[in-house]
């Protein structure tokens, strides 16, 4: 039920949001069950967990991807961004690391 909700909503939700939405749909599930399911799904690499200042948010994707956070509403949008090869080469030259994967965390406001 937890995974189905995350896939259906395609959003980043707190454990409390998940609990409330499931129960509003008539799915009787306790707080503990929600937390246990989220932990198991995250540990198995099926969902993502974002640590934010106001708590953890869970998302339906587990593949590497980036995020854009609205500074006004706090909503988070998933982004698939590919950095230019020249920029990755520049970062590798500056750091001495070979970049194998990356995610970006962007923040902004709608104009």
Protein backbone atom coordinates (compact mmCIF):
# COMPACT_ATOMS: atom_id res chain seq x y z
CA UNK A 1 0.00 0.00 0.00
CA UNK A 2 2.82 2.39 0.87
CA UNK A 3 4.69 1.79 -2.39
CA UNK A 4 1.49 1.95 -4.42
CA UNK A 5 0.66 5.33 -2.87
CA UNK A 6 4.12 6.73 -3.64
CA UNK A 7 3.89 5.52 -7.24
CA UNK A 8 0.37 6.94 -7.63
CA UNK A 9 1.17 10.31 -6.04
CA UNK A 10 4.57 10.77 -7.76
CA UNK A 11 5.48 13.22 -5.02
CA UNK A 12 7.81 13.48 -2.02
CA UNK A 13 5.82 12.70 1.11
CA UNK A 14 6.50 12.49 4.83
CA UNK A 15 5.62 9.33 6.75
CA UNK A 16 2.76 11.29 8.30
CA UNK A 17 1.46 12.32 4.86
CA UNK A 18 1.55 8.69 3.76
CA UNK A 19 -0.23 7.53 6.92
CA UNK A 20 -2.95 10.18 6.56
CA UNK A 21 -3.52 9.61 2.84
CA UNK A 22 -3.74 5.84 3.21
CA UNK A 23 -6.21 6.09 6.07
CA UNK A 24 -8.26 8.70 4.17
CA UNK A 25 -8.58 6.11 1.39
CA UNK A 26 -9.94 3.59 3.88
CA UNK A 27 -6.70 1.65 4.20
CA UNK A 28 -6.34 1.03 7.92
CA UNK A 29 -2.62 1.07 8.59
CA UNK A 30 -0.80 2.17 11.73
CA UNK A 31 2.07 4.63 12.07
CA UNK A 32 4.48 1.84 12.97
CA UNK A 33 3.58 -0.16 9.87
CA UNK A 34 4.12 2.89 7.66
CA UNK A 35 7.58 3.53 9.17
CA UNK A 36 8.55 -0.14 8.92
CA UNK A 37 7.49 -0.32 5.29
CA UNK A 38 9.32 2.90 4.41
CA UNK A 39 12.49 1.65 6.10
CA UNK A 40 12.31 -1.70 4.29
CA UNK A 41 11.62 -0.09 0.90
CA UNK A 42 14.45 2.40 1.36
CA UNK A 43 16.90 -0.28 2.55
CA UNK A 44 16.04 -2.40 -0.49
CA UNK A 45 16.72 0.59 -2.77
CA UNK A 46 13.14 0.72 -4.06
CA UNK A 47 12.39 4.29 -2.91
CA UNK A 48 14.42 7.35 -2.02
CA UNK A 49 14.62 9.21 1.27
CA UNK A 50 15.43 12.91 1.42
CA UNK A 51 16.54 14.37 4.74
CA UNK A 52 15.19 17.89 5.06
CA UNK A 53 15.30 20.37 7.92
CA UNK A 54 11.67 19.63 8.74
CA UNK A 55 12.01 15.82 8.51
CA UNK A 56 12.34 13.02 6.04
CA UNK A 57 10.51 12.87 2.74
CA UNK A 58 10.08 9.72 0.70
CA UNK A 59 9.92 9.57 -3.08
CA UNK A 60 8.86 6.96 -5.57
CA UNK A 61 12.13 6.88 -7.53
CA UNK A 62 15.32 5.09 -6.60
CA UNK A 63 17.38 5.80 -9.72
CA UNK A 64 19.96 8.60 -9.70
CA UNK A 65 18.19 11.89 -10.39
CA UNK A 66 18.25 15.52 -9.33
CA UNK A 67 15.78 17.72 -7.47
CA UNK A 68 14.43 21.24 -7.82
CA UNK A 69 12.92 22.65 -4.62
CA UNK A 70 10.51 25.59 -4.73
CA UNK A 71 11.62 28.11 -2.12
CA UNK A 72 8.06 29.41 -1.74
CA UNK A 73 6.03 26.21 -1.40
CA UNK A 74 8.71 23.67 -0.47
CA UNK A 75 7.52 21.32 -3.22
CA UNK A 76 10.16 19.12 -4.80
CA UNK A 77 10.31 18.28 -8.48
CA UNK A 78 12.35 15.37 -9.84
CA UNK A 79 14.73 16.27 -12.67
CA UNK A 80 16.73 14.19 -15.09
CA UNK A 81 19.75 16.36 -15.80
CA UNK A 82 22.85 15.44 -17.77
CA UNK A 83 25.85 17.67 -17.22
CA UNK A 84 28.05 18.50 -20.22
CA UNK A 85 31.11 16.28 -20.62
CA UNK A 86 33.40 19.34 -20.49
CA UNK A 87 32.03 20.32 -17.07
CA UNK A 88 32.46 16.79 -15.70
CA UNK A 89 36.05 16.75 -17.02
CA UNK A 90 36.71 20.11 -15.34
CA UNK A 91 35.36 18.84 -12.01
CA UNK A 92 37.48 15.69 -12.28
CA UNK A 93 40.59 17.75 -13.05
CA UNK A 94 39.96 20.05 -10.06
CA UNK A 95 39.20 17.30 -7.58
CA UNK A 96 41.26 14.34 -8.73
CA UNK A 97 38.12 12.17 -8.62
CA UNK A 98 36.56 10.22 -11.46
CA UNK A 99 32.85 11.10 -11.47
CA UNK A 100 30.77 7.93 -11.63
CA UNK A 101 27.37 9.39 -10.81
CA UNK A 102 25.89 12.65 -9.60
CA UNK A 103 22.74 14.35 -8.44
CA UNK A 104 22.02 18.05 -8.26
CA UNK A 105 19.99 19.85 -5.65
CA UNK A 106 18.60 23.07 -7.08
CA UNK A 107 16.41 25.69 -5.38
CA UNK A 108 14.42 28.50 -6.91
CA UNK A 109 11.16 30.38 -7.34
CA UNK A 110 8.70 30.47 -10.24
CA UNK A 111 8.81 33.69 -12.24
